[in-house]
Amino acid sequence: AIKEIMDDSFELLKQNESLLVSRFTEYISKIEPRNE
């Protein structure tokens, strides 16, 4: 799921959806990584 967030934000960036990416990636601040 975390990889999917990374992939989706990257693809949206390439589609020039910067505003959508800036909002979507606010979500990552809530995620606590469990491994490298």
Full PDB file with SEQRES, HELIX, SHEET, SSBOND, CRYST1, ORIGX, SCALE, CONECT and MASTER records, all heavy atoms in Angstrom:
SEQRES   1 A   36  ALA ILE LYS GLU ILE MET ASP ASP SER PHE GLU LEU LEU          
SEQRES   2 A   36  LYS GLN ASN GLU SER LEU LEU VAL SER ARG PHE THR GLU          
SEQRES   3 A   36  TYR ILE SER LYS ILE GLU PRO ARG ASN GLU                      
HELIX    1 AA1 ILE A    2  LYS A   14  1                                  13    
HELIX    2 AA2 SER A   18  PHE A   24  1                                   7    
HELIX    3 AA3 THR A   25  LYS A   30  5                                   6    
CRYST1    1.000    1.000    1.000  90.00  90.00  90.00 P 1           1          
ORIGX1      1.000000  0.000000  0.000000        0.00000                         
ORIGX2      0.000000  1.000000  0.000000        0.00000                         
ORIGX3      0.000000  0.000000  1.000000        0.00000                         
SCALE1      1.000000  0.000000  0.000000        0.00000                         
SCALE2      0.000000  1.000000  0.000000        0.00000                         
SCALE3      0.000000  0.000000  1.000000        0.00000                         
ATOM      1  N   ALA A   1       0.834  -1.207   0.000  1.00  0.00           N  
ATOM      2  CA  ALA A   1       0.000   0.000   0.000  1.00  0.00           C  
ATOM      3  C   ALA A   1       0.866   1.253   0.000  1.00  0.00           C  
ATOM      4  O   ALA A   1       0.579   2.226  -0.716  1.00  0.00           O  
ATOM      5  CB  ALA A   1      -0.917  -0.004   1.220  1.00  0.00           C  
ATOM      6  N   ILE A   2       1.942   1.244   0.789  1.00  0.00           N  
ATOM      7  CA  ILE A   2       2.838   2.404   0.841  1.00  0.00           C  
ATOM      8  C   ILE A   2       3.535   2.589  -0.505  1.00  0.00           C  
ATOM      9  O   ILE A   2       3.701   3.719  -0.980  1.00  0.00           O  
ATOM     10  CB  ILE A   2       3.862   2.231   1.977  1.00  0.00           C  
ATOM     11  CG1 ILE A   2       3.138   2.162   3.324  1.00  0.00           C  
ATOM     12  CG2 ILE A   2       4.867   3.380   1.984  1.00  0.00           C  
ATOM     13  CD1 ILE A   2       4.025   1.810   4.499  1.00  0.00           C  
ATOM     14  N   LYS A   3       3.922   1.467  -1.118  1.00  0.00           N  
ATOM     15  CA  LYS A   3       4.527   1.561  -2.452  1.00  0.00           C  
ATOM     16  C   LYS A   3       3.526   2.133  -3.456  1.00  0.00           C  
ATOM     17  O   LYS A   3       3.889   2.931  -4.326  1.00  0.00           O  
ATOM     18  CB  LYS A   3       4.990   0.188  -2.922  1.00  0.00           C  
ATOM     19  CG  LYS A   3       5.671   0.209  -4.291  1.00  0.00           C  
ATOM     20  CD  LYS A   3       6.107  -1.173  -4.711  1.00  0.00           C  
ATOM     21  CE  LYS A   3       6.846  -1.135  -6.047  1.00  0.00           C  
ATOM     22  NZ  LYS A   3       6.027  -0.600  -7.150  1.00  0.00           N  
ATOM     23  N   GLU A   4       2.258   1.756  -3.313  1.00  0.00           N  
ATOM     24  CA  GLU A   4       1.218   2.266  -4.204  1.00  0.00           C  
ATOM     25  C   GLU A   4       1.086   3.788  -4.068  1.00  0.00           C  
ATOM     26  O   GLU A   4       0.897   4.505  -5.051  1.00  0.00           O  
ATOM     27  CB  GLU A   4      -0.112   1.594  -3.869  1.00  0.00           C  
ATOM     28  CG  GLU A   4      -1.210   1.853  -4.870  1.00  0.00           C  
ATOM     29  CD  GLU A   4      -1.229   0.845  -6.004  1.00  0.00           C  
ATOM     30  OE1 GLU A   4      -0.375  -0.052  -6.024  1.00  0.00           O  
ATOM     31  OE2 GLU A   4      -2.109   0.971  -6.871  1.00  0.00           O  
ATOM     32  N   ILE A   5       1.188   4.290  -2.847  1.00  0.00           N  
ATOM     33  CA  ILE A   5       1.134   5.736  -2.609  1.00  0.00           C  
ATOM     34  C   ILE A   5       2.299   6.421  -3.309  1.00  0.00           C  
ATOM     35  O   ILE A   5       2.133   7.469  -3.942  1.00  0.00           O  
ATOM     36  CB  ILE A   5       1.147   6.037  -1.096  1.00  0.00           C  
ATOM     37  CG1 ILE A   5      -0.138   5.520  -0.451  1.00  0.00           C  
ATOM     38  CG2 ILE A   5       1.311   7.529  -0.836  1.00  0.00           C  
ATOM     39  CD1 ILE A   5      -0.123   5.534   1.065  1.00  0.00           C  
ATOM     40  N   MET A   6       3.491   5.828  -3.185  1.00  0.00           N  
ATOM     41  CA  MET A   6       4.669   6.378  -3.866  1.00  0.00           C  
ATOM     42  C   MET A   6       4.456   6.392  -5.377  1.00  0.00           C  
ATOM     43  O   MET A   6       4.684   7.407  -6.049  1.00  0.00           O  
ATOM     44  CB  MET A   6       5.894   5.546  -3.519  1.00  0.00           C  
ATOM     45  CG  MET A   6       7.160   5.971  -4.248  1.00  0.00           C  
ATOM     46  SD  MET A   6       8.462   4.717  -4.167  1.00  0.00           S  
ATOM     47  CE  MET A   6       7.826   3.477  -5.314  1.00  0.00           C  
ATOM     48  N   ASP A   7       3.999   5.270  -5.929  1.00  0.00           N  
ATOM     49  CA  ASP A   7       3.783   5.164  -7.370  1.00  0.00           C  
ATOM     50  C   ASP A   7       2.741   6.166  -7.866  1.00  0.00           C  
ATOM     51  O   ASP A   7       2.930   6.853  -8.871  1.00  0.00           O  
ATOM     52  CB  ASP A   7       3.328   3.750  -7.738  1.00  0.00           C  
ATOM     53  CG  ASP A   7       4.441   2.720  -7.591  1.00  0.00           C  
ATOM     54  OD1 ASP A   7       5.608   3.118  -7.469  1.00  0.00           O  
ATOM     55  OD2 ASP A   7       4.125   1.519  -7.597  1.00  0.00           O  
ATOM     56  N   ASP A   8       1.623   6.233  -7.156  1.00  0.00           N  
ATOM     57  CA  ASP A   8       0.526   7.109  -7.580  1.00  0.00           C  
ATOM     58  C   ASP A   8       0.950   8.572  -7.557  1.00  0.00           C  
ATOM     59  O   ASP A   8       0.633   9.341  -8.477  1.00  0.00           O  
ATOM     60  CB  ASP A   8      -0.698   6.909  -6.688  1.00  0.00           C  
ATOM     61  CG  ASP A   8      -1.419   5.602  -6.965  1.00  0.00           C  
ATOM     62  OD1 ASP A   8      -1.044   4.916  -7.939  1.00  0.00           O  
ATOM     63  OD2 ASP A   8      -2.354   5.258  -6.220  1.00  0.00           O  
ATOM     64  N   SER A   9       1.653   8.974  -6.506  1.00  0.00           N  
ATOM     65  CA  SER A   9       2.075  10.375  -6.414  1.00  0.00           C  
ATOM     66  C   SER A   9       3.077  10.701  -7.523  1.00  0.00           C  
ATOM     67  O   SER A   9       3.078  11.811  -8.077  1.00  0.00           O  
ATOM     68  CB  SER A   9       2.676  10.672  -5.036  1.00  0.00           C  
ATOM     69  OG  SER A   9       3.802   9.851  -4.770  1.00  0.00           O  
ATOM     70  N   PHE A  10       3.922   9.735  -7.874  1.00  0.00           N  
ATOM     71  CA  PHE A  10       4.884   9.937  -8.956  1.00  0.00           C  
ATOM     72  C   PHE A  10       4.186  10.100 -10.303  1.00  0.00           C  
ATOM     73  O   PHE A  10       4.499  11.003 -11.087  1.00  0.00           O  
ATOM     74  CB  PHE A  10       5.844   8.745  -8.990  1.00  0.00           C  
ATOM     75  CG  PHE A  10       6.866   8.817 -10.094  1.00  0.00           C  
ATOM     76  CD1 PHE A  10       7.932   9.688 -10.025  1.00  0.00           C  
ATOM     77  CD2 PHE A  10       6.758   7.992 -11.212  1.00  0.00           C  
ATOM     78  CE1 PHE A  10       8.879   9.751 -11.046  1.00  0.00           C  
ATOM     79  CE2 PHE A  10       7.696   8.046 -12.225  1.00  0.00           C  
ATOM     80  CZ  PHE A  10       8.762   8.921 -12.142  1.00  0.00           C  
ATOM     81  N   GLU A  11       3.228   9.219 -10.575  1.00  0.00           N  
ATOM     82  CA  GLU A  11       2.512   9.294 -11.851  1.00  0.00           C  
ATOM     83  C   GLU A  11       1.709  10.582 -11.966  1.00  0.00           C  
ATOM     84  O   GLU A  11       1.639  11.192 -13.035  1.00  0.00           O  
ATOM     85  CB  GLU A  11       1.600   8.075 -12.010  1.00  0.00           C  
ATOM     86  CG  GLU A  11       2.336   6.763 -12.211  1.00  0.00           C  
ATOM     87  CD  GLU A  11       3.290   6.800 -13.379  1.00  0.00           C  
ATOM     88  OE1 GLU A  11       2.923   7.368 -14.439  1.00  0.00           O  
ATOM     89  OE2 GLU A  11       4.407   6.279 -13.255  1.00  0.00           O  
ATOM     90  N   LEU A  12       1.084  10.988 -10.881  1.00  0.00           N  
ATOM     91  CA  LEU A  12       0.318  12.238 -10.897  1.00  0.00           C  
ATOM     92  C   LEU A  12       1.231  13.442 -11.123  1.00  0.00           C  
ATOM     93  O   LEU A  12       0.846  14.406 -11.787  1.00  0.00           O  
ATOM     94  CB  LEU A  12      -0.455  12.398  -9.583  1.00  0.00           C  
ATOM     95  CG  LEU A  12      -1.655  11.466  -9.412  1.00  0.00           C  
ATOM     96  CD1 LEU A  12      -2.163  11.494  -7.975  1.00  0.00           C  
ATOM     97  CD2 LEU A  12      -2.777  11.855 -10.373  1.00  0.00           C  
ATOM     98  N   LEU A  13       2.436  13.370 -10.580  1.00  0.00           N  
ATOM     99  CA  LEU A  13       3.411  14.440 -10.823  1.00  0.00           C  
ATOM    100  C   LEU A  13       3.725  14.548 -12.305  1.00  0.00           C  
ATOM    101  O   LEU A  13       3.786  15.642 -12.865  1.00  0.00           O  
ATOM    102  CB  LEU A  13       4.715  14.144 -10.076  1.00  0.00           C  
ATOM    103  CG  LEU A  13       4.976  14.823  -8.738  1.00  0.00           C  
ATOM    104  CD1 LEU A  13       6.371  14.465  -8.255  1.00  0.00           C  
ATOM    105  CD2 LEU A  13       4.795  16.319  -8.808  1.00  0.00           C  
ATOM    106  N   LYS A  14       3.930  13.406 -12.953  1.00  0.00           N  
ATOM    107  CA  LYS A  14       4.267  13.410 -14.378  1.00  0.00           C  
ATOM    108  C   LYS A  14       3.102  13.895 -15.232  1.00  0.00           C  
ATOM    109  O   LYS A  14       3.292  14.301 -16.368  1.00  0.00           O  
ATOM    110  CB  LYS A  14       4.700  12.011 -14.813  1.00  0.00           C  
ATOM    111  CG  LYS A  14       6.004  11.561 -14.156  1.00  0.00           C  
ATOM    112  CD  LYS A  14       6.741  10.535 -14.994  1.00  0.00           C  
ATOM    113  CE  LYS A  14       5.926   9.283 -15.149  1.00  0.00           C  
ATOM    114  NZ  LYS A  14       6.646   8.267 -15.961  1.00  0.00           N  
ATOM    115  N   GLN A  15       1.908  13.847 -14.664  1.00  0.00           N  
ATOM    116  CA  GLN A  15       0.728  14.348 -15.379  1.00  0.00           C  
ATOM    117  C   GLN A  15       0.434  15.805 -15.014  1.00  0.00           C  
ATOM    118  O   GLN A  15      -0.624  16.332 -15.323  1.00  0.00           O  
ATOM    119  CB  GLN A  15      -0.472  13.457 -15.043  1.00  0.00           C  
ATOM    120  CG  GLN A  15      -0.327  12.040 -15.571  1.00  0.00           C  
ATOM    121  CD  GLN A  15      -1.338  11.088 -14.978  1.00  0.00           C  
ATOM    122  OE1 GLN A  15      -2.501  11.417 -14.830  1.00  0.00           O  
ATOM    123  NE2 GLN A  15      -0.902   9.899 -14.606  1.00  0.00           N  
ATOM    124  N   ASN A  16       1.406  16.439 -14.346  1.00  0.00           N  
ATOM    125  CA  ASN A  16       1.300  17.851 -13.952  1.00  0.00           C  
ATOM    126  C   ASN A  16       0.139  18.120 -12.998  1.00  0.00           C  
ATOM    127  O   ASN A  16      -0.448  19.200 -13.014  1.00  0.00           O  
ATOM    128  CB  ASN A  16       1.170  18.748 -15.198  1.00  0.00           C  
ATOM    129  CG  ASN A  16       2.417  18.706 -16.066  1.00  0.00           C  
ATOM    130  OD1 ASN A  16       3.533  18.768 -15.560  1.00  0.00           O  
ATOM    131  ND2 ASN A  16       2.227  18.564 -17.365  1.00  0.00           N  
ATOM    132  N   GLU A  17      -0.186  17.126 -12.171  1.00  0.00           N  
ATOM    133  CA  GLU A  17      -1.238  17.291 -11.167  1.00  0.00           C  
ATOM    134  C   GLU A  17      -0.599  17.668  -9.819  1.00  0.00           C  
ATOM    135  O   GLU A  17      -0.788  16.998  -8.809  1.00  0.00           O  
ATOM    136  CB  GLU A  17      -2.053  16.006 -11.028  1.00  0.00           C  
ATOM    137  CG  GLU A  17      -2.841  15.617 -12.256  1.00  0.00           C  
ATOM    138  CD  GLU A  17      -4.054  16.520 -12.490  1.00  0.00           C  
ATOM    139  OE1 GLU A  17      -4.310  17.388 -11.628  1.00  0.00           O  
ATOM    140  OE2 GLU A  17      -4.721  16.352 -13.515  1.00  0.00           O  
ATOM    141  N   SER A  18       0.147  18.765  -9.816  1.00  0.00           N  
ATOM    142  CA  SER A  18       0.922  19.136  -8.624  1.00  0.00           C  
ATOM    143  C   SER A  18       0.042  19.427  -7.418  1.00  0.00           C  
ATOM    144  O   SER A  18       0.375  19.038  -6.288  1.00  0.00           O  
ATOM    145  CB  SER A  18       1.795  20.359  -8.935  1.00  0.00           C  
ATOM    146  OG  SER A  18       2.728  20.055  -9.954  1.00  0.00           O  
ATOM    147  N   LEU A  19      -1.066  20.116  -7.621  1.00  0.00           N  
ATOM    148  CA  LEU A  19      -1.946  20.435  -6.497  1.00  0.00           C  
ATOM    149  C   LEU A  19      -2.524  19.165  -5.895  1.00  0.00           C  
ATOM    150  O   LEU A  19      -2.582  19.010  -4.659  1.00  0.00           O  
ATOM    151  CB  LEU A  19      -3.072  21.369  -6.951  1.00  0.00           C  
ATOM    152  CG  LEU A  19      -4.063  21.810  -5.856  1.00  0.00           C  
ATOM    153  CD1 LEU A  19      -3.322  22.517  -4.727  1.00  0.00           C  
ATOM    154  CD2 LEU A  19      -5.144  22.708  -6.435  1.00  0.00           C  
ATOM    155  N   LEU A  20      -2.946  18.246  -6.743  1.00  0.00           N  
ATOM    156  CA  LEU A  20      -3.494  16.984  -6.259  1.00  0.00           C  
ATOM    157  C   LEU A  20      -2.428  16.191  -5.499  1.00  0.00           C  
ATOM    158  O   LEU A  20      -2.703  15.610  -4.446  1.00  0.00           O  
ATOM    159  CB  LEU A  20      -4.019  16.167  -7.441  1.00  0.00           C  
ATOM    160  CG  LEU A  20      -4.762  14.865  -7.127  1.00  0.00           C  
ATOM    161  CD1 LEU A  20      -5.931  15.116  -6.178  1.00  0.00           C  
ATOM    162  CD2 LEU A  20      -5.244  14.207  -8.402  1.00  0.00           C  
ATOM    163  N   VAL A  21      -1.196  16.190  -6.004  1.00  0.00           N  
ATOM    164  CA  VAL A  21      -0.095  15.485  -5.330  1.00  0.00           C  
ATOM    165  C   VAL A  21       0.188  16.108  -3.967  1.00  0.00           C  
ATOM    166  O   VAL A  21       0.389  15.398  -2.978  1.00  0.00           O  
ATOM    167  CB  VAL A  21       1.181  15.500  -6.201  1.00  0.00           C  
ATOM    168  CG1 VAL A  21       2.372  14.932  -5.421  1.00  0.00           C  
ATOM    169  CG2 VAL A  21       0.970  14.698  -7.471  1.00  0.00           C  
ATOM    170  N   SER A  22       0.204  17.443  -3.902  1.00  0.00           N  
ATOM    171  CA  SER A  22       0.506  18.112  -2.627  1.00  0.00           C  
ATOM    172  C   SER A  22      -0.520  17.776  -1.560  1.00  0.00           C  
ATOM    173  O   SER A  22      -0.189  17.658  -0.376  1.00  0.00           O  
ATOM    174  CB  SER A  22       0.578  19.630  -2.835  1.00  0.00           C  
ATOM    175  OG  SER A  22      -0.702  20.175  -3.111  1.00  0.00           O  
ATOM    176  N   ARG A  23      -1.766  17.595  -1.971  1.00  0.00           N  
ATOM    177  CA  ARG A  23      -2.814  17.233  -1.014  1.00  0.00           C  
ATOM    178  C   ARG A  23      -2.760  15.749  -0.674  1.00  0.00           C  
ATOM    179  O   ARG A  23      -2.845  15.365   0.495  1.00  0.00           O  
ATOM    180  CB  ARG A  23      -4.185  17.599  -1.585  1.00  0.00           C  
ATOM    181  CG  ARG A  23      -4.382  19.094  -1.812  1.00  0.00           C  
ATOM    182  CD  ARG A  23      -5.731  19.373  -2.446  1.00  0.00           C  
ATOM    183  NE  ARG A  23      -6.818  18.978  -1.562  1.00  0.00           N  
ATOM    184  CZ  ARG A  23      -8.068  18.780  -1.966  1.00  0.00           C  
ATOM    185  NH1 ARG A  23      -8.372  18.903  -3.248  1.00  0.00           N  
ATOM    186  NH2 ARG A  23      -8.999  18.434  -1.097  1.00  0.00           N  
ATOM    187  N   PHE A  24      -2.630  14.920  -1.696  1.00  0.00           N  
ATOM    188  CA  PHE A  24      -2.614  13.475  -1.510  1.00  0.00           C  
ATOM    189  C   PHE A  24      -1.472  13.041  -0.584  1.00  0.00           C  
ATOM    190  O   PHE A  24      -1.648  12.207   0.312  1.00  0.00           O  
ATOM    191  CB  PHE A  24      -2.499  12.810  -2.881  1.00  0.00           C  
ATOM    192  CG  PHE A  24      -2.279  11.326  -2.869  1.00  0.00           C  
ATOM    193  CD1 PHE A  24      -2.955  10.498  -1.982  1.00  0.00           C  
ATOM    194  CD2 PHE A  24      -1.389  10.745  -3.766  1.00  0.00           C  
ATOM    195  CE1 PHE A  24      -2.761   9.121  -1.987  1.00  0.00           C  
ATOM    196  CE2 PHE A  24      -1.184   9.377  -3.780  1.00  0.00           C  
ATOM    197  CZ  PHE A  24      -1.868   8.573  -2.881  1.00  0.00           C  
ATOM    198  N   THR A  25      -0.290  13.627  -0.789  1.00  0.00           N  
ATOM    199  CA  THR A  25       0.884  13.198  -0.031  1.00  0.00           C  
ATOM    200  C   THR A  25       0.929  13.750   1.389  1.00  0.00           C  
ATOM    201  O   THR A  25       1.840  13.412   2.147  1.00  0.00           O  
ATOM    202  CB  THR A  25       2.182  13.584  -0.772  1.00  0.00           C  
ATOM    203  OG1 THR A  25       2.115  14.975  -1.160  1.00  0.00           O  
ATOM    204  CG2 THR A  25       2.383  12.724  -2.012  1.00  0.00           C  
ATOM    205  N   GLU A  26      -0.026  14.588   1.768  1.00  0.00           N  
ATOM    206  CA  GLU A  26      -0.156  14.945   3.185  1.00  0.00           C  
ATOM    207  C   GLU A  26      -0.385  13.682   4.016  1.00  0.00           C  
ATOM    208  O   GLU A  26      -0.048  13.621   5.199  1.00  0.00           O  
ATOM    209  CB  GLU A  26      -1.328  15.911   3.402  1.00  0.00           C  
ATOM    210  CG  GLU A  26      -1.072  17.340   2.968  1.00  0.00           C  
ATOM    211  CD  GLU A  26      -2.259  18.236   3.309  1.00  0.00           C  
ATOM    212  OE1 GLU A  26      -2.728  18.180   4.468  1.00  0.00           O  
ATOM    213  OE2 GLU A  26      -2.713  18.978   2.419  1.00  0.00           O  
ATOM    214  N   TYR A  27      -0.971  12.689   3.378  1.00  0.00           N  
ATOM    215  CA  TYR A  27      -1.338  11.450   4.051  1.00  0.00           C  
ATOM    216  C   TYR A  27      -0.131  10.680   4.584  1.00  0.00           C  
ATOM    217  O   TYR A  27      -0.225   9.972   5.592  1.00  0.00           O  
ATOM    218  CB  TYR A  27      -2.110  10.587   3.048  1.00  0.00           C  
ATOM    219  CG  TYR A  27      -2.606   9.264   3.570  1.00  0.00           C  
ATOM    220  CD1 TYR A  27      -3.665   9.205   4.472  1.00  0.00           C  
ATOM    221  CD2 TYR A  27      -2.021   8.075   3.157  1.00  0.00           C  
ATOM    222  CE1 TYR A  27      -4.142   7.993   4.939  1.00  0.00           C  
ATOM    223  CE2 TYR A  27      -2.494   6.856   3.620  1.00  0.00           C  
ATOM    224  CZ  TYR A  27      -3.550   6.821   4.514  1.00  0.00           C  
ATOM    225  OH  TYR A  27      -4.013   5.611   4.977  1.00  0.00           O  
ATOM    226  N   ILE A  28       1.027  10.827   3.932  1.00  0.00           N  
ATOM    227  CA  ILE A  28       2.194  10.029   4.323  1.00  0.00           C  
ATOM    228  C   ILE A  28       2.713  10.403   5.713  1.00  0.00           C  
ATOM    229  O   ILE A  28       3.396   9.603   6.352  1.00  0.00           O  
ATOM    230  CB  ILE A  28       3.343  10.155   3.293  1.00  0.00           C  
ATOM    231  CG1 ILE A  28       3.791  11.606   3.155  1.00  0.00           C  
ATOM    232  CG2 ILE A  28       2.939   9.553   1.966  1.00  0.00           C  
ATOM    233  CD1 ILE A  28       4.976  11.777   2.221  1.00  0.00           C  
ATOM    234  N   SER A  29       2.372  11.604   6.195  1.00  0.00           N  
ATOM    235  CA  SER A  29       2.829  12.008   7.533  1.00  0.00           C  
ATOM    236  C   SER A  29       2.201  11.148   8.625  1.00  0.00           C  
ATOM    237  O   SER A  29       2.701  11.098   9.752  1.00  0.00           O  
ATOM    238  CB  SER A  29       2.506  13.483   7.780  1.00  0.00           C  
ATOM    239  OG  SER A  29       1.100  13.696   7.776  1.00  0.00           O  
ATOM    240  N   LYS A  30       1.115  10.449   8.288  1.00  0.00           N  
ATOM    241  CA  LYS A  30       0.431   9.605   9.259  1.00  0.00           C  
ATOM    242  C   LYS A  30       0.986   8.181   9.307  1.00  0.00           C  
ATOM    243  O   LYS A  30       0.600   7.394  10.163  1.00  0.00           O  
ATOM    244  CB  LYS A  30      -1.069   9.535   8.945  1.00  0.00           C  
ATOM    245  CG  LYS A  30      -1.781  10.865   9.050  1.00  0.00           C  
ATOM    246  CD  LYS A  30      -3.272  10.673   8.853  1.00  0.00           C  
ATOM    247  CE  LYS A  30      -4.020  11.971   9.086  1.00  0.00           C  
ATOM    248  NZ  LYS A  30      -5.474  11.772   9.045  1.00  0.00           N  
ATOM    249  N   ILE A  31       1.875   7.858   8.366  1.00  0.00           N  
ATOM    250  CA  ILE A  31       2.356   6.485   8.248  1.00  0.00           C  
ATOM    251  C   ILE A  31       3.673   6.296   8.999  1.00  0.00           C  
ATOM    252  O   ILE A  31       4.637   7.038   8.777  1.00  0.00           O  
ATOM    253  CB  ILE A  31       2.554   6.101   6.772  1.00  0.00           C  
ATOM    254  CG1 ILE A  31       1.241   6.286   5.996  1.00  0.00           C  
ATOM    255  CG2 ILE A  31       3.036   4.664   6.642  1.00  0.00           C  
ATOM    256  CD1 ILE A  31       1.387   6.086   4.509  1.00  0.00           C  
ATOM    257  N   GLU A  32       3.701   5.324   9.880  1.00  0.00           N  
ATOM    258  CA  GLU A  32       4.922   4.975  10.608  1.00  0.00           C  
ATOM    259  C   GLU A  32       5.551   3.752   9.925  1.00  0.00           C  
ATOM    260  O   GLU A  32       4.965   2.669   9.938  1.00  0.00           O  
ATOM    261  CB  GLU A  32       4.607   4.651  12.063  1.00  0.00           C  
ATOM    262  CG  GLU A  32       4.222   5.852  12.908  1.00  0.00           C  
ATOM    263  CD  GLU A  32       5.380   6.832  13.094  1.00  0.00           C  
ATOM    264  OE1 GLU A  32       6.547   6.377  13.043  1.00  0.00           O  
ATOM    265  OE2 GLU A  32       5.116   8.031  13.269  1.00  0.00           O  
ATOM    266  N   PRO A  33       6.742   3.914   9.334  1.00  0.00           N  
ATOM    267  CA  PRO A  33       7.371   2.781   8.648  1.00  0.00           C  
ATOM    268  C   PRO A  33       7.750   1.670   9.625  1.00  0.00           C  
ATOM    269  O   PRO A  33       8.186   1.938  10.749  1.00  0.00           O  
ATOM    270  CB  PRO A  33       8.607   3.412   8.003  1.00  0.00           C  
ATOM    271  CG  PRO A  33       8.912   4.612   8.837  1.00  0.00           C  
ATOM    272  CD  PRO A  33       7.578   5.135   9.295  1.00  0.00           C  
ATOM    273  N   ARG A  34       7.595   0.418   9.172  1.00  0.00           N  
ATOM    274  CA  ARG A  34       7.899  -0.727  10.021  1.00  0.00           C  
ATOM    275  C   ARG A  34       9.192  -1.424   9.613  1.00  0.00           C  
ATOM    276  O   ARG A  34       9.682  -2.284  10.346  1.00  0.00           O  
ATOM    277  CB  ARG A  34       6.750  -1.742   9.961  1.00  0.00           C  
ATOM    278  CG  ARG A  34       5.395  -1.205  10.385  1.00  0.00           C  
ATOM    279  CD  ARG A  34       4.298  -2.219  10.104  1.00  0.00           C  
ATOM    280  NE  ARG A  34       4.243  -2.554   8.687  1.00  0.00           N  
ATOM    281  CZ  ARG A  34       3.462  -3.495   8.171  1.00  0.00           C  
ATOM    282  NH1 ARG A  34       2.672  -4.198   8.967  1.00  0.00           N  
ATOM    283  NH2 ARG A  34       3.458  -3.748   6.874  1.00  0.00           N  
ATOM    284  N   ASN A  35       9.738  -1.060   8.470  1.00  0.00           N  
ATOM    285  CA  ASN A  35      10.974  -1.670   8.004  1.00  0.00           C  
ATOM    286  C   ASN A  35      11.666  -0.729   7.021  1.00  0.00           C  
ATOM    287  O   ASN A  35      11.139   0.341   6.685  1.00  0.00           O  
ATOM    288  CB  ASN A  35      10.690  -3.024   7.341  1.00  0.00           C  
ATOM    289  CG  ASN A  35       9.587  -2.935   6.292  1.00  0.00           C  
ATOM    290  OD1 ASN A  35       9.657  -2.124   5.368  1.00  0.00           O  
ATOM    291  ND2 ASN A  35       8.548  -3.752   6.439  1.00  0.00           N  
ATOM    292  N   GLU A  36      12.850  -1.130   6.574  1.00  0.00           N  
ATOM    293  CA  GLU A  36      13.643  -0.283   5.681  1.00  0.00           C  
ATOM    294  C   GLU A  36      12.942  -0.042   4.346  1.00  0.00           C  
ATOM    295  O   GLU A  36      13.032   1.039   3.777  1.00  0.00           O  
ATOM    296  CB  GLU A  36      15.016  -0.913   5.446  1.00  0.00           C  
ATOM    297  CG  GLU A  36      15.924  -0.856   6.660  1.00  0.00           C  
ATOM    298  CD  GLU A  36      17.323  -1.360   6.338  1.00  0.00           C  
ATOM    299  OE1 GLU A  36      17.593  -1.664   5.146  1.00  0.00           O  
ATOM    300  OE2 GLU A  36      18.139  -1.456   7.275  1.00  0.00           O  
TER     301      GLU A  36                                                      
MASTER        0    0    0    3    0    0    0    6  300    1    0    3          
END                                                                             
